[in-house]
Protein backbone atom coordinates (compact mmCIF):
# COMPACT_ATOMS: atom_id res chain seq x y z
CA MET A 1 0.18 -0.05 -0.16
CA SER A 2 1.34 3.41 -0.72
CA ALA A 3 2.47 5.46 2.05
CA THR A 4 0.51 8.85 1.57
CA LEU A 5 -3.28 8.62 1.87
CA PRO A 6 -5.26 11.11 0.07
CA ASN A 7 -7.84 13.08 1.89
CA LEU A 8 -11.29 12.68 -0.30
CA ASP A 9 -12.55 16.11 0.95
CA ASP A 10 -10.14 17.82 -1.21
CA TYR A 11 -12.43 16.50 -4.00
CA ARG A 12 -15.56 17.22 -5.47
CA ALA A 13 -16.73 13.98 -6.10
CA VAL A 14 -15.92 10.24 -6.30
CA LEU A 15 -16.29 7.69 -8.89
CA PHE A 16 -16.14 3.93 -7.81
CA ASP A 17 -15.91 0.80 -10.12
CA LEU A 18 -18.30 -1.80 -8.73
CA ASP A 19 -16.64 -5.25 -9.15
CA GLY A 20 -13.90 -5.62 -6.74
CA VAL A 21 -14.01 -2.29 -5.41
CA LEU A 22 -17.39 -2.14 -3.65
CA THR A 23 -18.53 -5.61 -3.71
CA PRO A 24 -16.38 -9.00 -4.08
CA THR A 25 -18.13 -9.91 -7.35
CA ALA A 26 -15.15 -10.07 -9.13
CA ASP A 27 -14.36 -13.51 -7.52
CA VAL A 28 -18.15 -14.42 -8.69
CA HIS A 29 -17.39 -13.23 -12.39
CA MET A 30 -14.06 -15.14 -12.43
CA HIS A 31 -15.78 -18.35 -11.20
CA ALA A 32 -18.42 -17.88 -14.04
CA TRP A 33 -15.97 -17.11 -16.61
CA ARG A 34 -13.91 -20.02 -15.69
CA GLU A 35 -16.61 -22.66 -15.56
CA MET A 36 -17.98 -21.27 -18.85
CA PHE A 37 -14.78 -21.09 -20.82
CA THR A 38 -13.44 -24.42 -19.30
CA ALA A 39 -16.77 -25.90 -20.84
CA LEU A 40 -16.33 -24.16 -24.11
CA PHE A 41 -12.48 -25.25 -24.74
CA ALA A 42 -13.24 -28.81 -24.19
CA ALA A 43 -16.16 -28.61 -26.39
CA LYS A 44 -13.88 -27.15 -29.15
CA GLY A 45 -10.92 -28.99 -28.47
CA VAL A 46 -8.68 -26.64 -27.50
CA THR A 47 -6.00 -27.82 -25.41
CA GLU A 48 -4.53 -25.00 -23.95
CA PRO A 49 -6.50 -24.48 -20.41
CA TYR A 50 -8.38 -21.48 -19.56
CA THR A 51 -6.50 -19.73 -16.53
CA ASP A 52 -6.88 -16.78 -14.04
CA GLU A 53 -4.50 -15.26 -16.26
CA ASP A 54 -6.54 -15.17 -19.05
CA TYR A 55 -9.29 -13.33 -16.82
CA PHE A 56 -6.93 -10.49 -15.83
CA THR A 57 -5.62 -10.40 -19.20
CA TYR A 58 -8.80 -10.38 -21.45
CA LEU A 59 -11.73 -9.94 -19.34
CA ASP A 60 -11.14 -7.95 -16.33
CA GLY A 61 -13.13 -4.70 -16.59
CA LYS A 62 -13.71 -4.95 -20.32
CA LYS A 63 -17.16 -4.82 -21.78
CA ARG A 64 -18.15 -8.25 -22.10
CA TYR A 65 -18.17 -9.07 -25.83
CA ASP A 66 -14.88 -7.45 -26.25
CA GLY A 67 -13.21 -9.49 -23.77
CA VAL A 68 -14.98 -12.49 -24.91
CA ALA A 69 -13.71 -11.85 -28.51
CA GLY A 70 -10.21 -11.28 -27.24
CA LEU A 71 -9.76 -14.22 -25.42
CA LEU A 72 -11.10 -16.37 -28.33
CA ALA A 73 -8.96 -14.75 -30.74
CA SER A 74 -5.85 -15.58 -28.27
CA ARG A 75 -7.14 -19.57 -28.71
CA GLY A 76 -7.58 -19.05 -32.48
CA ILE A 77 -11.28 -19.74 -32.45
CA GLU A 78 -13.18 -17.62 -34.98
CA VAL A 79 -16.96 -17.24 -34.42
CA PRO A 80 -19.18 -14.65 -35.76
CA TRP A 81 -19.69 -11.84 -33.85
CA GLY A 82 -23.68 -12.06 -33.34
CA SER A 83 -26.18 -9.88 -31.69
CA PRO A 84 -26.65 -9.07 -28.10
CA GLU A 85 -29.97 -10.58 -27.99
CA ASP A 86 -28.41 -14.04 -29.11
CA PRO A 87 -29.54 -16.95 -26.83
CA SER A 88 -26.61 -18.40 -24.67
CA THR A 89 -26.86 -21.53 -26.76
CA ALA A 90 -25.45 -19.56 -29.91
CA ASP A 91 -22.11 -20.16 -30.96
CA THR A 92 -21.31 -16.38 -31.51
CA VAL A 93 -19.45 -13.86 -29.09
CA CYS A 94 -22.32 -12.53 -28.03
CA GLY A 95 -23.95 -15.87 -27.40
CA ILE A 96 -20.85 -16.83 -25.59
CA GLY A 97 -20.93 -13.96 -23.38
CA ASN A 98 -24.59 -14.32 -22.82
CA ARG A 99 -23.74 -17.58 -21.44
CA LYS A 100 -21.43 -16.62 -18.84
CA ASN A 101 -24.12 -14.28 -17.80
CA ASP A 102 -26.61 -16.79 -17.11
CA VAL A 103 -23.66 -18.53 -14.79
CA PHE A 104 -23.33 -15.20 -13.11
CA SER A 105 -26.79 -14.51 -12.40
CA LYS A 106 -27.56 -18.12 -11.17
CA ILE A 107 -24.54 -17.47 -8.48
CA ILE A 108 -25.86 -14.10 -7.54
CA ASP A 109 -29.70 -15.28 -7.15
CA GLU A 110 -28.63 -18.15 -5.10
CA ASP A 111 -25.62 -16.74 -2.71
CA GLY A 112 -26.67 -12.76 -2.74
CA VAL A 113 -23.71 -10.03 -2.61
CA SER A 114 -22.54 -8.05 0.36
CA PRO A 115 -20.14 -4.94 -0.05
CA TYR A 116 -16.81 -5.15 1.37
CA PRO A 117 -17.09 -3.74 4.87
CA GLY A 118 -14.19 -1.14 4.41
CA SER A 119 -15.91 0.23 1.19
CA LEU A 120 -19.49 0.11 2.94
CA ALA A 121 -17.92 2.39 5.74
CA LEU A 122 -16.36 4.63 3.10
CA LEU A 123 -19.76 5.09 1.25
CA ARG A 124 -21.78 6.08 4.65
CA GLN A 125 -18.99 8.37 5.44
CA LEU A 126 -19.13 10.07 2.12
CA SER A 127 -22.84 10.11 1.77
CA ALA A 128 -23.46 11.58 5.13
CA GLU A 129 -21.07 14.32 3.99
CA GLY A 130 -23.22 14.65 0.82
CA LYS A 131 -20.33 13.79 -1.29
CA PRO A 132 -21.56 13.18 -5.11
CA MET A 133 -20.63 9.57 -6.13
CA ALA A 134 -21.06 7.60 -8.99
CA VAL A 135 -20.50 4.00 -10.02
CA VAL A 136 -18.88 3.37 -13.29
CA SER A 137 -18.81 -0.30 -14.29
CA SER A 138 -18.39 -2.50 -17.43
CA SER A 139 -20.68 -4.90 -16.19
CA LYS A 140 -24.21 -5.18 -17.40
CA ASN A 141 -25.21 -6.73 -14.09
CA ALA A 142 -24.32 -3.46 -12.22
CA GLU A 143 -27.94 -2.60 -11.13
CA LYS A 144 -28.82 -6.12 -9.98
CA VAL A 145 -25.57 -6.14 -7.71
CA LEU A 146 -25.81 -2.80 -6.59
CA VAL A 147 -29.75 -3.60 -5.47
CA GLY A 148 -28.68 -6.91 -4.07
CA ALA A 149 -26.04 -5.30 -2.15
CA ARG A 150 -28.58 -2.72 -0.71
CA ILE A 151 -26.46 0.17 -1.73
CA ARG A 152 -28.19 1.43 -4.96
CA ASP A 153 -29.59 4.26 -3.24
CA LEU A 154 -26.28 5.67 -2.48
CA PHE A 155 -25.68 6.69 -6.20
CA PRO A 156 -27.43 9.36 -8.14
CA VAL A 157 -25.49 8.37 -11.20
CA VAL A 158 -24.55 4.34 -12.46
CA VAL A 159 -22.79 4.07 -15.63
CA ASP A 160 -22.61 0.46 -16.46
CA GLY A 161 -22.39 -1.69 -19.62
CA GLU A 162 -25.93 -0.98 -20.54
CA VAL A 163 -25.48 2.67 -20.39
CA ALA A 164 -22.10 2.47 -22.47
CA THR A 165 -24.04 0.74 -25.37
CA ARG A 166 -26.94 3.00 -25.01
CA GLU A 167 -24.79 6.03 -25.14
CA ASN A 168 -22.09 4.59 -27.75
CA LEU A 169 -19.36 4.90 -25.01
CA ALA A 170 -16.18 3.26 -25.64
CA GLY A 171 -15.26 0.56 -22.82
CA LYS A 172 -12.50 0.71 -20.32
CA PRO A 173 -9.33 1.26 -20.86
CA ALA A 174 -10.88 4.73 -22.86
CA GLY A 175 -12.10 7.11 -20.06
CA ASP A 176 -15.29 7.95 -21.97
CA MET A 177 -17.50 6.01 -19.31
CA PHE A 178 -16.02 7.86 -16.49
CA VAL A 179 -16.03 11.26 -18.10
CA PHE A 180 -19.78 10.80 -19.04
CA ALA A 181 -20.44 9.81 -15.12
CA ALA A 182 -18.66 12.98 -14.00
CA GLU A 183 -20.77 15.42 -16.70
CA ALA A 184 -23.91 13.38 -15.03
CA LEU A 185 -22.81 14.50 -11.67
CA GLY A 186 -22.19 17.93 -12.87
CA VAL A 187 -18.52 17.97 -11.77
CA GLU A 188 -14.94 17.77 -13.87
CA PRO A 189 -12.54 15.16 -14.08
CA ALA A 190 -10.00 17.36 -12.93
CA GLU A 191 -11.65 17.79 -9.62
CA SER A 192 -12.70 14.36 -9.22
CA VAL A 193 -11.64 10.87 -7.76
CA VAL A 194 -11.39 7.28 -9.63
CA LEU A 195 -11.13 4.08 -7.47
CA GLU A 196 -10.43 0.96 -9.66
CA ASP A 197 -9.12 -2.72 -9.00
CA ALA A 198 -8.77 -3.25 -12.88
CA ILE A 199 -5.58 -2.49 -14.91
CA SER A 200 -8.00 -1.26 -17.54
CA GLY A 201 -9.88 0.68 -15.06
CA VAL A 202 -7.16 2.66 -13.68
CA ALA A 203 -6.34 3.24 -17.24
CA ALA A 204 -9.54 4.28 -18.09
CA GLY A 205 -9.29 6.83 -15.14
CA HIS A 206 -5.74 8.11 -16.03
CA ALA A 207 -6.73 8.26 -19.65
CA GLY A 208 -10.36 10.57 -18.57
CA ALA A 209 -7.55 12.87 -16.75
CA PHE A 210 -8.99 12.74 -13.03
CA ALA A 211 -7.43 14.59 -10.72
CA LEU A 212 -6.47 11.25 -8.52
CA VAL A 213 -6.80 7.67 -9.49
CA ILE A 214 -6.65 5.24 -6.52
CA GLY A 215 -5.76 1.62 -7.48
CA VAL A 216 -7.34 -0.98 -5.17
CA ASP A 217 -4.89 -4.15 -4.99
CA ARG A 218 -7.45 -7.17 -4.66
CA GLY A 219 -4.75 -9.30 -6.27
CA VAL A 220 -3.62 -7.45 -9.24
CA GLY A 221 -0.47 -6.21 -7.67
CA GLU A 222 0.62 -2.71 -6.75
CA GLN A 223 3.09 -2.16 -9.09
CA ALA A 224 0.43 -3.27 -12.08
CA LEU A 225 -1.77 -0.69 -10.89
CA LEU A 226 1.04 2.10 -10.50
CA ASP A 227 2.32 1.12 -14.26
CA ALA A 228 -1.52 1.50 -15.59
CA GLY A 229 -1.75 5.26 -14.24
CA ALA A 230 -2.69 4.90 -10.39
CA ASP A 231 -1.37 7.83 -8.33
CA VAL A 232 -1.75 5.68 -5.09
CA VAL A 233 -2.55 2.23 -4.19
CA ILE A 234 -4.47 0.99 -1.46
CA GLU A 235 -5.71 -2.72 -0.28
CA ASP A 236 -9.14 -1.53 1.02
CA LEU A 237 -11.15 1.31 1.25
CA GLY A 238 -11.58 1.39 4.73
CA VAL A 239 -8.16 2.74 5.14
CA LEU A 240 -9.81 6.08 3.75
CA VAL A 241 -12.46 6.15 6.11
CA GLY A 242 -11.48 9.25 8.49
CA ASP A 243 -9.16 10.68 5.78
CA ALA A 244 -12.33 11.65 3.76
CA GLY A 245 -13.58 14.09 6.16
């Protein structure tokens, strides 16, 4: 963890990634991708197994279908792009992405989700102070996760995969989604903070010219987050409680 912690009171708004920053759903995504791709590779006779490194390289923080396309290409698998409306049985990029979402939704519905305790403590503090906050997530499941975690009402602005598609926003590592969220909050990126755990998300905050990009190290590694553009790296949002006000 970086030695000097920022004071969030110095900034007008705070923008959070969701999976791996506010909720431990990154682990659920990893499990769902692993289950789906392991079965897919077996069915297609791919000998190189799916690994967690594949998740961090091709999927973490990316739009769902972009991530699927990148990982399929890495194994020499060619399928049509298809349409987001494709059923999960379709042998298309979109169908395969939707297949993973079926697995993810089943896990969330059965097991639920809770925010990280440190993240919840920081959210409550910032909310009590009236600090404008937004969630910026590549996931199309963000609304479901926020509602399930009982924190949806804390965010006047949620920019997720659905919004990105509707507004034709480039996904992370481009800064478009974060900039769009800042504009929706009525603040400038140059006076706002981004908190991200993914390399692509940190790069997006940096690309959006935000005043401060905080990397949250949930396993990617401090140096990797710094190299992607993080100004400071922490291991848990709870360390910022008390420093935000």
